[in-house]
Amino acid sequence: MEFSSLLAMLFVGAIAGWLSGKIMEGRGFGLVGNIIVGIVGAFLAGTIFPALGFSVGNGMFSSIFFATIGAVILLFVIGLIKKV
């Protein structure tokens, strides 16, 4: 993995984690936690959406969009687990 792709992945993860924290009404985990949630959400979206027949796309905005959806799903699941 190149350094520039690592930086892009961290950037997309940070933006997606921050957006998902805002969408899920303050369920963010701080900067580092949001980056981790965003990266895991991007991985989640990258595996689930193509299996369902959705095209993820190649641009930065589509990456942020789908990573945010994946991070929101992840925060929802974490919220369900925390309640139990």
PDB file of N, CA and C in Angstrom:
ATOM      1  N   MET A   1       0.856  -1.172   0.000  1.00  0.00           N
ATOM      2  CA  MET A   1       0.000   0.000   0.000  1.00  0.00           C
ATOM      3  C   MET A   1       0.896   1.227   0.000  1.00  0.00           C
ATOM      4  N   GLU A   2       0.578   2.154  -0.861  1.00  0.00           N
ATOM      5  CA  GLU A   2       1.344   3.389  -0.938  1.00  0.00           C
ATOM      6  C   GLU A   2       0.901   4.356   0.151  1.00  0.00           C
ATOM      7  N   PHE A   3       1.787   5.300   0.451  1.00  0.00           N
ATOM      8  CA  PHE A   3       1.519   6.277   1.491  1.00  0.00           C
ATOM      9  C   PHE A   3       0.327   7.150   1.119  1.00  0.00           C
ATOM     10  N   SER A   4       0.205   7.525  -0.159  1.00  0.00           N
ATOM     11  CA  SER A   4      -0.907   8.384  -0.576  1.00  0.00           C
ATOM     12  C   SER A   4      -2.250   7.661  -0.462  1.00  0.00           C
ATOM     13  N   SER A   5      -2.287   6.363  -0.755  1.00  0.00           N
ATOM     14  CA  SER A   5      -3.547   5.632  -0.606  1.00  0.00           C
ATOM     15  C   SER A   5      -3.900   5.443   0.862  1.00  0.00           C
ATOM     16  N   LEU A   6      -2.895   5.311   1.720  1.00  0.00           N
ATOM     17  CA  LEU A   6      -3.145   5.234   3.155  1.00  0.00           C
ATOM     18  C   LEU A   6      -3.728   6.552   3.666  1.00  0.00           C
ATOM     19  N   LEU A   7      -3.179   7.668   3.203  1.00  0.00           N
ATOM     20  CA  LEU A   7      -3.715   8.971   3.596  1.00  0.00           C
ATOM     21  C   LEU A   7      -5.142   9.165   3.082  1.00  0.00           C
ATOM     22  N   ALA A   8      -5.404   8.729   1.857  1.00  0.00           N
ATOM     23  CA  ALA A   8      -6.760   8.847   1.310  1.00  0.00           C
ATOM     24  C   ALA A   8      -7.731   7.999   2.115  1.00  0.00           C
ATOM     25  N   MET A   9      -7.311   6.796   2.514  1.00  0.00           N
ATOM     26  CA  MET A   9      -8.171   5.926   3.304  1.00  0.00           C
ATOM     27  C   MET A   9      -8.449   6.554   4.672  1.00  0.00           C
ATOM     28  N   LEU A  10      -7.443   7.145   5.297  1.00  0.00           N
ATOM     29  CA  LEU A  10      -7.653   7.804   6.582  1.00  0.00           C
ATOM     30  C   LEU A  10      -8.563   9.020   6.438  1.00  0.00           C
ATOM     31  N   PHE A  11      -8.393   9.768   5.349  1.00  0.00           N
ATOM     32  CA  PHE A  11      -9.230  10.940   5.101  1.00  0.00           C
ATOM     33  C   PHE A  11     -10.683  10.529   4.903  1.00  0.00           C
ATOM     34  N   VAL A  12     -10.919   9.537   4.054  1.00  0.00           N
ATOM     35  CA  VAL A  12     -12.280   9.051   3.813  1.00  0.00           C
ATOM     36  C   VAL A  12     -12.872   8.502   5.107  1.00  0.00           C
ATOM     37  N   GLY A  13     -12.076   7.770   5.878  1.00  0.00           N
ATOM     38  CA  GLY A  13     -12.549   7.228   7.142  1.00  0.00           C
ATOM     39  C   GLY A  13     -12.905   8.311   8.142  1.00  0.00           C
ATOM     40  N   ALA A  14     -12.083   9.356   8.206  1.00  0.00           N
ATOM     41  CA  ALA A  14     -12.353  10.450   9.139  1.00  0.00           C
ATOM     42  C   ALA A  14     -13.628  11.192   8.767  1.00  0.00           C
ATOM     43  N   ILE A  15     -13.784  11.498   7.498  1.00  0.00           N
ATOM     44  CA  ILE A  15     -14.987  12.211   7.051  1.00  0.00           C
ATOM     45  C   ILE A  15     -16.221  11.339   7.247  1.00  0.00           C
ATOM     46  N   ALA A  16     -16.134  10.059   6.856  1.00  0.00           N
ATOM     47  CA  ALA A  16     -17.282   9.156   6.995  1.00  0.00           C
ATOM     48  C   ALA A  16     -17.636   8.942   8.458  1.00  0.00           C
ATOM     49  N   GLY A  17     -16.640   8.800   9.323  1.00  0.00           N
ATOM     50  CA  GLY A  17     -16.906   8.624  10.746  1.00  0.00           C
ATOM     51  C   GLY A  17     -17.529   9.857  11.366  1.00  0.00           C
ATOM     52  N   TRP A  18     -17.036  11.033  10.974  1.00  0.00           N
ATOM     53  CA  TRP A  18     -17.599  12.278  11.487  1.00  0.00           C
ATOM     54  C   TRP A  18     -19.038  12.446  11.031  1.00  0.00           C
ATOM     55  N   LEU A  19     -19.287  12.201   9.735  1.00  0.00           N
ATOM     56  CA  LEU A  19     -20.648  12.317   9.211  1.00  0.00           C
ATOM     57  C   LEU A  19     -21.596  11.316   9.869  1.00  0.00           C
ATOM     58  N   SER A  20     -21.121  10.100  10.062  1.00  0.00           N
ATOM     59  CA  SER A  20     -21.992   9.097  10.688  1.00  0.00           C
ATOM     60  C   SER A  20     -22.280   9.451  12.139  1.00  0.00           C
ATOM     61  N   GLY A  21     -21.314  10.056  12.833  1.00  0.00           N
ATOM     62  CA  GLY A  21     -21.557  10.519  14.193  1.00  0.00           C
ATOM     63  C   GLY A  21     -22.609  11.614  14.235  1.00  0.00           C
ATOM     64  N   LYS A  22     -22.604  12.490  13.223  1.00  0.00           N
ATOM     65  CA  LYS A  22     -23.616  13.548  13.143  1.00  0.00           C
ATOM     66  C   LYS A  22     -24.983  12.978  12.777  1.00  0.00           C
ATOM     67  N   ILE A  23     -25.001  12.014  11.867  1.00  0.00           N
ATOM     68  CA  ILE A  23     -26.273  11.418  11.438  1.00  0.00           C
ATOM     69  C   ILE A  23     -26.905  10.627  12.569  1.00  0.00           C
ATOM     70  N   MET A  24     -26.085   9.898  13.323  1.00  0.00           N
ATOM     71  CA  MET A  24     -26.605   9.053  14.397  1.00  0.00           C
ATOM     72  C   MET A  24     -26.721   9.815  15.717  1.00  0.00           C
ATOM     73  N   GLU A  25     -26.839  11.117  15.671  1.00  0.00           N
ATOM     74  CA  GLU A  25     -27.113  11.982  16.819  1.00  0.00           C
ATOM     75  C   GLU A  25     -26.116  11.837  17.950  1.00  0.00           C
ATOM     76  N   GLY A  26     -24.875  12.157  17.667  1.00  0.00           N
ATOM     77  CA  GLY A  26     -23.863  12.224  18.701  1.00  0.00           C
ATOM     78  C   GLY A  26     -23.303  10.905  19.169  1.00  0.00           C
ATOM     79  N   ARG A  27     -23.391   9.863  18.373  1.00  0.00           N
ATOM     80  CA  ARG A  27     -22.834   8.576  18.770  1.00  0.00           C
ATOM     81  C   ARG A  27     -21.396   8.412  18.299  1.00  0.00           C
ATOM     82  N   GLY A  28     -20.705   9.516  18.057  1.00  0.00           N
ATOM     83  CA  GLY A  28     -19.318   9.452  17.621  1.00  0.00           C
ATOM     84  C   GLY A  28     -18.402   9.027  18.749  1.00  0.00           C
ATOM     85  N   PHE A  29     -17.181   8.683  18.392  1.00  0.00           N
ATOM     86  CA  PHE A  29     -16.207   8.199  19.366  1.00  0.00           C
ATOM     87  C   PHE A  29     -14.952   9.057  19.406  1.00  0.00           C
ATOM     88  N   GLY A  30     -15.019  10.324  19.052  1.00  0.00           N
ATOM     89  CA  GLY A  30     -13.837  11.159  18.985  1.00  0.00           C
ATOM     90  C   GLY A  30     -13.138  10.972  17.640  1.00  0.00           C
ATOM     91  N   LEU A  31     -12.067  11.710  17.418  1.00  0.00           N
ATOM     92  CA  LEU A  31     -11.400  11.702  16.122  1.00  0.00           C
ATOM     93  C   LEU A  31     -10.860  10.332  15.747  1.00  0.00           C
ATOM     94  N   VAL A  32     -10.091   9.715  16.628  1.00  0.00           N
ATOM     95  CA  VAL A  32      -9.496   8.413  16.322  1.00  0.00           C
ATOM     96  C   VAL A  32     -10.577   7.343  16.206  1.00  0.00           C
ATOM     97  N   GLY A  33     -11.535   7.360  17.099  1.00  0.00           N
ATOM     98  CA  GLY A  33     -12.638   6.405  17.037  1.00  0.00           C
ATOM     99  C   GLY A  33     -13.466   6.570  15.778  1.00  0.00           C
ATOM    100  N   ASN A  34     -13.695   7.831  15.369  1.00  0.00           N
ATOM    101  CA  ASN A  34     -14.444   8.076  14.140  1.00  0.00           C
ATOM    102  C   ASN A  34     -13.682   7.586  12.914  1.00  0.00           C
ATOM    103  N   ILE A  35     -12.369   7.748  12.907  1.00  0.00           N
ATOM    104  CA  ILE A  35     -11.568   7.237  11.795  1.00  0.00           C
ATOM    105  C   ILE A  35     -11.697   5.721  11.722  1.00  0.00           C
ATOM    106  N   ILE A  36     -11.620   5.067  12.862  1.00  0.00           N
ATOM    107  CA  ILE A  36     -11.738   3.602  12.889  1.00  0.00           C
ATOM    108  C   ILE A  36     -13.124   3.169  12.453  1.00  0.00           C
ATOM    109  N   VAL A  37     -14.163   3.836  12.961  1.00  0.00           N
ATOM    110  CA  VAL A  37     -15.531   3.510  12.562  1.00  0.00           C
ATOM    111  C   VAL A  37     -15.716   3.762  11.064  1.00  0.00           C
ATOM    112  N   GLY A  38     -15.153   4.836  10.549  1.00  0.00           N
ATOM    113  CA  GLY A  38     -15.261   5.138   9.123  1.00  0.00           C
ATOM    114  C   GLY A  38     -14.550   4.123   8.252  1.00  0.00           C
ATOM    115  N   ILE A  39     -13.360   3.677   8.675  1.00  0.00           N
ATOM    116  CA  ILE A  39     -12.608   2.681   7.899  1.00  0.00           C
ATOM    117  C   ILE A  39     -13.340   1.342   7.924  1.00  0.00           C
ATOM    118  N   VAL A  40     -13.809   0.938   9.093  1.00  0.00           N
ATOM    119  CA  VAL A  40     -14.567  -0.309   9.189  1.00  0.00           C
ATOM    120  C   VAL A  40     -15.880  -0.184   8.414  1.00  0.00           C
ATOM    121  N   GLY A  41     -16.501   0.978   8.465  1.00  0.00           N
ATOM    122  CA  GLY A  41     -17.723   1.209   7.697  1.00  0.00           C
ATOM    123  C   GLY A  41     -17.475   1.155   6.198  1.00  0.00           C
ATOM    124  N   ALA A  42     -16.322   1.666   5.758  1.00  0.00           N
ATOM    125  CA  ALA A  42     -15.970   1.588   4.337  1.00  0.00           C
ATOM    126  C   ALA A  42     -15.763   0.140   3.921  1.00  0.00           C
ATOM    127  N   PHE A  43     -15.113  -0.639   4.773  1.00  0.00           N
ATOM    128  CA  PHE A  43     -14.929  -2.061   4.480  1.00  0.00           C
ATOM    129  C   PHE A  43     -16.272  -2.773   4.444  1.00  0.00           C
ATOM    130  N   LEU A  44     -17.134  -2.448   5.388  1.00  0.00           N
ATOM    131  CA  LEU A  44     -18.467  -3.033   5.448  1.00  0.00           C
ATOM    132  C   LEU A  44     -19.264  -2.695   4.186  1.00  0.00           C
ATOM    133  N   ALA A  45     -19.222  -1.434   3.787  1.00  0.00           N
ATOM    134  CA  ALA A  45     -19.934  -1.018   2.578  1.00  0.00           C
ATOM    135  C   ALA A  45     -19.324  -1.645   1.335  1.00  0.00           C
ATOM    136  N   GLY A  46     -18.006  -1.789   1.314  1.00  0.00           N
ATOM    137  CA  GLY A  46     -17.338  -2.386   0.162  1.00  0.00           C
ATOM    138  C   GLY A  46     -17.619  -3.862  -0.003  1.00  0.00           C
ATOM    139  N   THR A  47     -18.034  -4.539   1.057  1.00  0.00           N
ATOM    140  CA  THR A  47     -18.362  -5.953   0.947  1.00  0.00           C
ATOM    141  C   THR A  47     -19.865  -6.188   0.795  1.00  0.00           C
ATOM    142  N   ILE A  48     -20.690  -5.375   1.464  1.00  0.00           N
ATOM    143  CA  ILE A  48     -22.129  -5.609   1.434  1.00  0.00           C
ATOM    144  C   ILE A  48     -22.776  -5.088   0.144  1.00  0.00           C
ATOM    145  N   PHE A  49     -22.464  -3.852  -0.246  1.00  0.00           N
ATOM    146  CA  PHE A  49     -23.158  -3.254  -1.384  1.00  0.00           C
ATOM    147  C   PHE A  49     -22.914  -3.970  -2.706  1.00  0.00           C
ATOM    148  N   PRO A  50     -21.690  -4.377  -3.044  1.00  0.00           N
ATOM    149  CA  PRO A  50     -21.535  -5.148  -4.290  1.00  0.00           C
ATOM    150  C   PRO A  50     -22.262  -6.495  -4.253  1.00  0.00           C
ATOM    151  N   ALA A  51     -22.350  -7.110  -3.076  1.00  0.00           N
ATOM    152  CA  ALA A  51     -23.079  -8.374  -2.960  1.00  0.00           C
ATOM    153  C   ALA A  51     -24.578  -8.170  -3.185  1.00  0.00           C
ATOM    154  N   LEU A  52     -25.079  -6.979  -2.872  1.00  0.00           N
ATOM    155  CA  LEU A  52     -26.492  -6.659  -3.091  1.00  0.00           C
ATOM    156  C   LEU A  52     -26.755  -6.113  -4.491  1.00  0.00           C
ATOM    157  N   GLY A  53     -25.697  -5.908  -5.274  1.00  0.00           N
ATOM    158  CA  GLY A  53     -25.853  -5.440  -6.638  1.00  0.00           C
ATOM    159  C   GLY A  53     -25.680  -3.951  -6.831  1.00  0.00           C
ATOM    160  N   PHE A  54     -25.245  -3.226  -5.796  1.00  0.00           N
ATOM    161  CA  PHE A  54     -25.020  -1.787  -5.908  1.00  0.00           C
ATOM    162  C   PHE A  54     -23.582  -1.527  -6.334  1.00  0.00           C
ATOM    163  N   SER A  55     -23.394  -0.559  -7.195  1.00  0.00           N
ATOM    164  CA  SER A  55     -22.052  -0.179  -7.618  1.00  0.00           C
ATOM    165  C   SER A  55     -21.533   0.907  -6.686  1.00  0.00           C
ATOM    166  N   VAL A  56     -20.343   0.696  -6.138  1.00  0.00           N
ATOM    167  CA  VAL A  56     -19.779   1.645  -5.179  1.00  0.00           C
ATOM    168  C   VAL A  56     -19.223   2.862  -5.888  1.00  0.00           C
ATOM    169  N   GLY A  57     -18.656   2.735  -7.059  1.00  0.00           N
ATOM    170  CA  GLY A  57     -18.091   3.863  -7.793  1.00  0.00           C
ATOM    171  C   GLY A  57     -16.614   4.040  -7.496  1.00  0.00           C
ATOM    172  N   ASN A  58     -15.996   4.982  -8.205  1.00  0.00           N
ATOM    173  CA  ASN A  58     -14.550   5.158  -8.094  1.00  0.00           C
ATOM    174  C   ASN A  58     -14.120   6.507  -7.552  1.00  0.00           C
ATOM    175  N   GLY A  59     -14.999   7.460  -7.412  1.00  0.00           N
ATOM    176  CA  GLY A  59     -14.621   8.797  -7.000  1.00  0.00           C
ATOM    177  C   GLY A  59     -14.506   8.950  -5.494  1.00  0.00           C
ATOM    178  N   MET A  60     -13.930  10.070  -5.084  1.00  0.00           N
ATOM    179  CA  MET A  60     -13.749  10.368  -3.664  1.00  0.00           C
ATOM    180  C   MET A  60     -15.099  10.569  -2.975  1.00  0.00           C
ATOM    181  N   PHE A  61     -16.021  11.285  -3.653  1.00  0.00           N
ATOM    182  CA  PHE A  61     -17.322  11.546  -3.045  1.00  0.00           C
ATOM    183  C   PHE A  61     -18.151  10.277  -2.905  1.00  0.00           C
ATOM    184  N   SER A  62     -18.075   9.396  -3.889  1.00  0.00           N
ATOM    185  CA  SER A  62     -18.816   8.142  -3.758  1.00  0.00           C
ATOM    186  C   SER A  62     -18.204   7.271  -2.670  1.00  0.00           C
ATOM    187  N   SER A  63     -16.887   7.314  -2.519  1.00  0.00           N
ATOM    188  CA  SER A  63     -16.242   6.566  -1.433  1.00  0.00           C
ATOM    189  C   SER A  63     -16.691   7.083  -0.078  1.00  0.00           C
ATOM    190  N   ILE A  64     -16.735   8.403   0.066  1.00  0.00           N
ATOM    191  CA  ILE A  64     -17.190   8.993   1.328  1.00  0.00           C
ATOM    192  C   ILE A  64     -18.656   8.666   1.572  1.00  0.00           C
ATOM    193  N   PHE A  65     -19.480   8.720   0.527  1.00  0.00           N
ATOM    194  CA  PHE A  65     -20.908   8.432   0.661  1.00  0.00           C
ATOM    195  C   PHE A  65     -21.142   7.002   1.127  1.00  0.00           C
ATOM    196  N   PHE A  66     -20.530   6.037   0.448  1.00  0.00           N
ATOM    197  CA  PHE A  66     -20.746   4.646   0.810  1.00  0.00           C
ATOM    198  C   PHE A  66     -20.070   4.292   2.135  1.00  0.00           C
ATOM    199  N   ALA A  67     -18.927   4.882   2.433  1.00  0.00           N
ATOM    200  CA  ALA A  67     -18.286   4.650   3.732  1.00  0.00           C
ATOM    201  C   ALA A  67     -19.147   5.218   4.856  1.00  0.00           C
ATOM    202  N   THR A  68     -19.794   6.341   4.615  1.00  0.00           N
ATOM    203  CA  THR A  68     -20.696   6.918   5.620  1.00  0.00           C
ATOM    204  C   THR A  68     -21.895   6.014   5.860  1.00  0.00           C
ATOM    205  N   ILE A  69     -22.463   5.466   4.800  1.00  0.00           N
ATOM    206  CA  ILE A  69     -23.579   4.529   4.966  1.00  0.00           C
ATOM    207  C   ILE A  69     -23.130   3.306   5.767  1.00  0.00           C
ATOM    208  N   GLY A  70     -21.952   2.776   5.436  1.00  0.00           N
ATOM    209  CA  GLY A  70     -21.430   1.637   6.179  1.00  0.00           C
ATOM    210  C   GLY A  70     -21.156   1.967   7.630  1.00  0.00           C
ATOM    211  N   ALA A  71     -20.645   3.183   7.895  1.00  0.00           N
ATOM    212  CA  ALA A  71     -20.373   3.594   9.268  1.00  0.00           C
ATOM    213  C   ALA A  71     -21.661   3.805  10.055  1.00  0.00           C
ATOM    214  N   VAL A  72     -22.701   4.314   9.403  1.00  0.00           N
ATOM    215  CA  VAL A  72     -24.001   4.472  10.069  1.00  0.00           C
ATOM    216  C   VAL A  72     -24.558   3.103  10.447  1.00  0.00           C
ATOM    217  N   ILE A  73     -24.446   2.141   9.535  1.00  0.00           N
ATOM    218  CA  ILE A  73     -24.889   0.775   9.831  1.00  0.00           C
ATOM    219  C   ILE A  73     -24.103   0.223  11.017  1.00  0.00           C
ATOM    220  N   LEU A  74     -22.790   0.456  11.010  1.00  0.00           N
ATOM    221  CA  LEU A  74     -21.944  -0.023  12.097  1.00  0.00           C
ATOM    222  C   LEU A  74     -22.316   0.630  13.420  1.00  0.00           C
ATOM    223  N   LEU A  75     -22.548   1.937  13.429  1.00  0.00           N
ATOM    224  CA  LEU A  75     -22.954   2.611  14.667  1.00  0.00           C
ATOM    225  C   LEU A  75     -24.317   2.131  15.153  1.00  0.00           C
ATOM    226  N   PHE A  76     -25.216   1.825  14.234  1.00  0.00           N
ATOM    227  CA  PHE A  76     -26.521   1.286  14.606  1.00  0.00           C
ATOM    228  C   PHE A  76     -26.362  -0.067  15.285  1.00  0.00           C
ATOM    229  N   VAL A  77     -25.518  -0.924  14.717  1.00  0.00           N
ATOM    230  CA  VAL A  77     -25.291  -2.253  15.307  1.00  0.00           C
ATOM    231  C   VAL A  77     -24.605  -2.131  16.667  1.00  0.00           C
ATOM    232  N   ILE A  78     -23.648  -1.219  16.778  1.00  0.00           N
ATOM    233  CA  ILE A  78     -22.970  -1.002  18.066  1.00  0.00           C
ATOM    234  C   ILE A  78     -23.978  -0.503  19.098  1.00  0.00           C
ATOM    235  N   GLY A  79     -24.907   0.369  18.686  1.00  0.00           N
ATOM    236  CA  GLY A  79     -25.946   0.845  19.595  1.00  0.00           C
ATOM    237  C   GLY A  79     -26.858  -0.265  20.061  1.00  0.00           C
ATOM    238  N   LEU A  80     -27.170  -1.212  19.167  1.00  0.00           N
ATOM    239  CA  LEU A  80     -27.988  -2.356  19.569  1.00  0.00           C
ATOM    240  C   LEU A  80     -27.261  -3.246  20.563  1.00  0.00           C
ATOM    241  N   ILE A  81     -25.970  -3.446  20.337  1.00  0.00           N
ATOM    242  CA  ILE A  81     -25.180  -4.303  21.227  1.00  0.00           C
ATOM    243  C   ILE A  81     -25.009  -3.649  22.594  1.00  0.00           C
ATOM    244  N   LYS A  82     -24.808  -2.345  22.615  1.00  0.00           N
ATOM    245  CA  LYS A  82     -24.627  -1.633  23.888  1.00  0.00           C
ATOM    246  C   LYS A  82     -25.871  -1.697  24.758  1.00  0.00           C
ATOM    247  N   LYS A  83     -27.058  -1.754  24.129  1.00  0.00           N
ATOM    248  CA  LYS A  83     -28.307  -1.790  24.893  1.00  0.00           C
ATOM    249  C   LYS A  83     -28.517  -3.123  25.586  1.00  0.00           C
ATOM    250  N   VAL A  84     -27.921  -4.158  25.050  1.00  0.00           N
ATOM    251  CA  VAL A  84     -28.127  -5.505  25.607  1.00  0.00           C
ATOM    252  C   VAL A  84     -27.318  -5.715  26.834  1.00  0.00           C
TER     253      VAL A  84
END
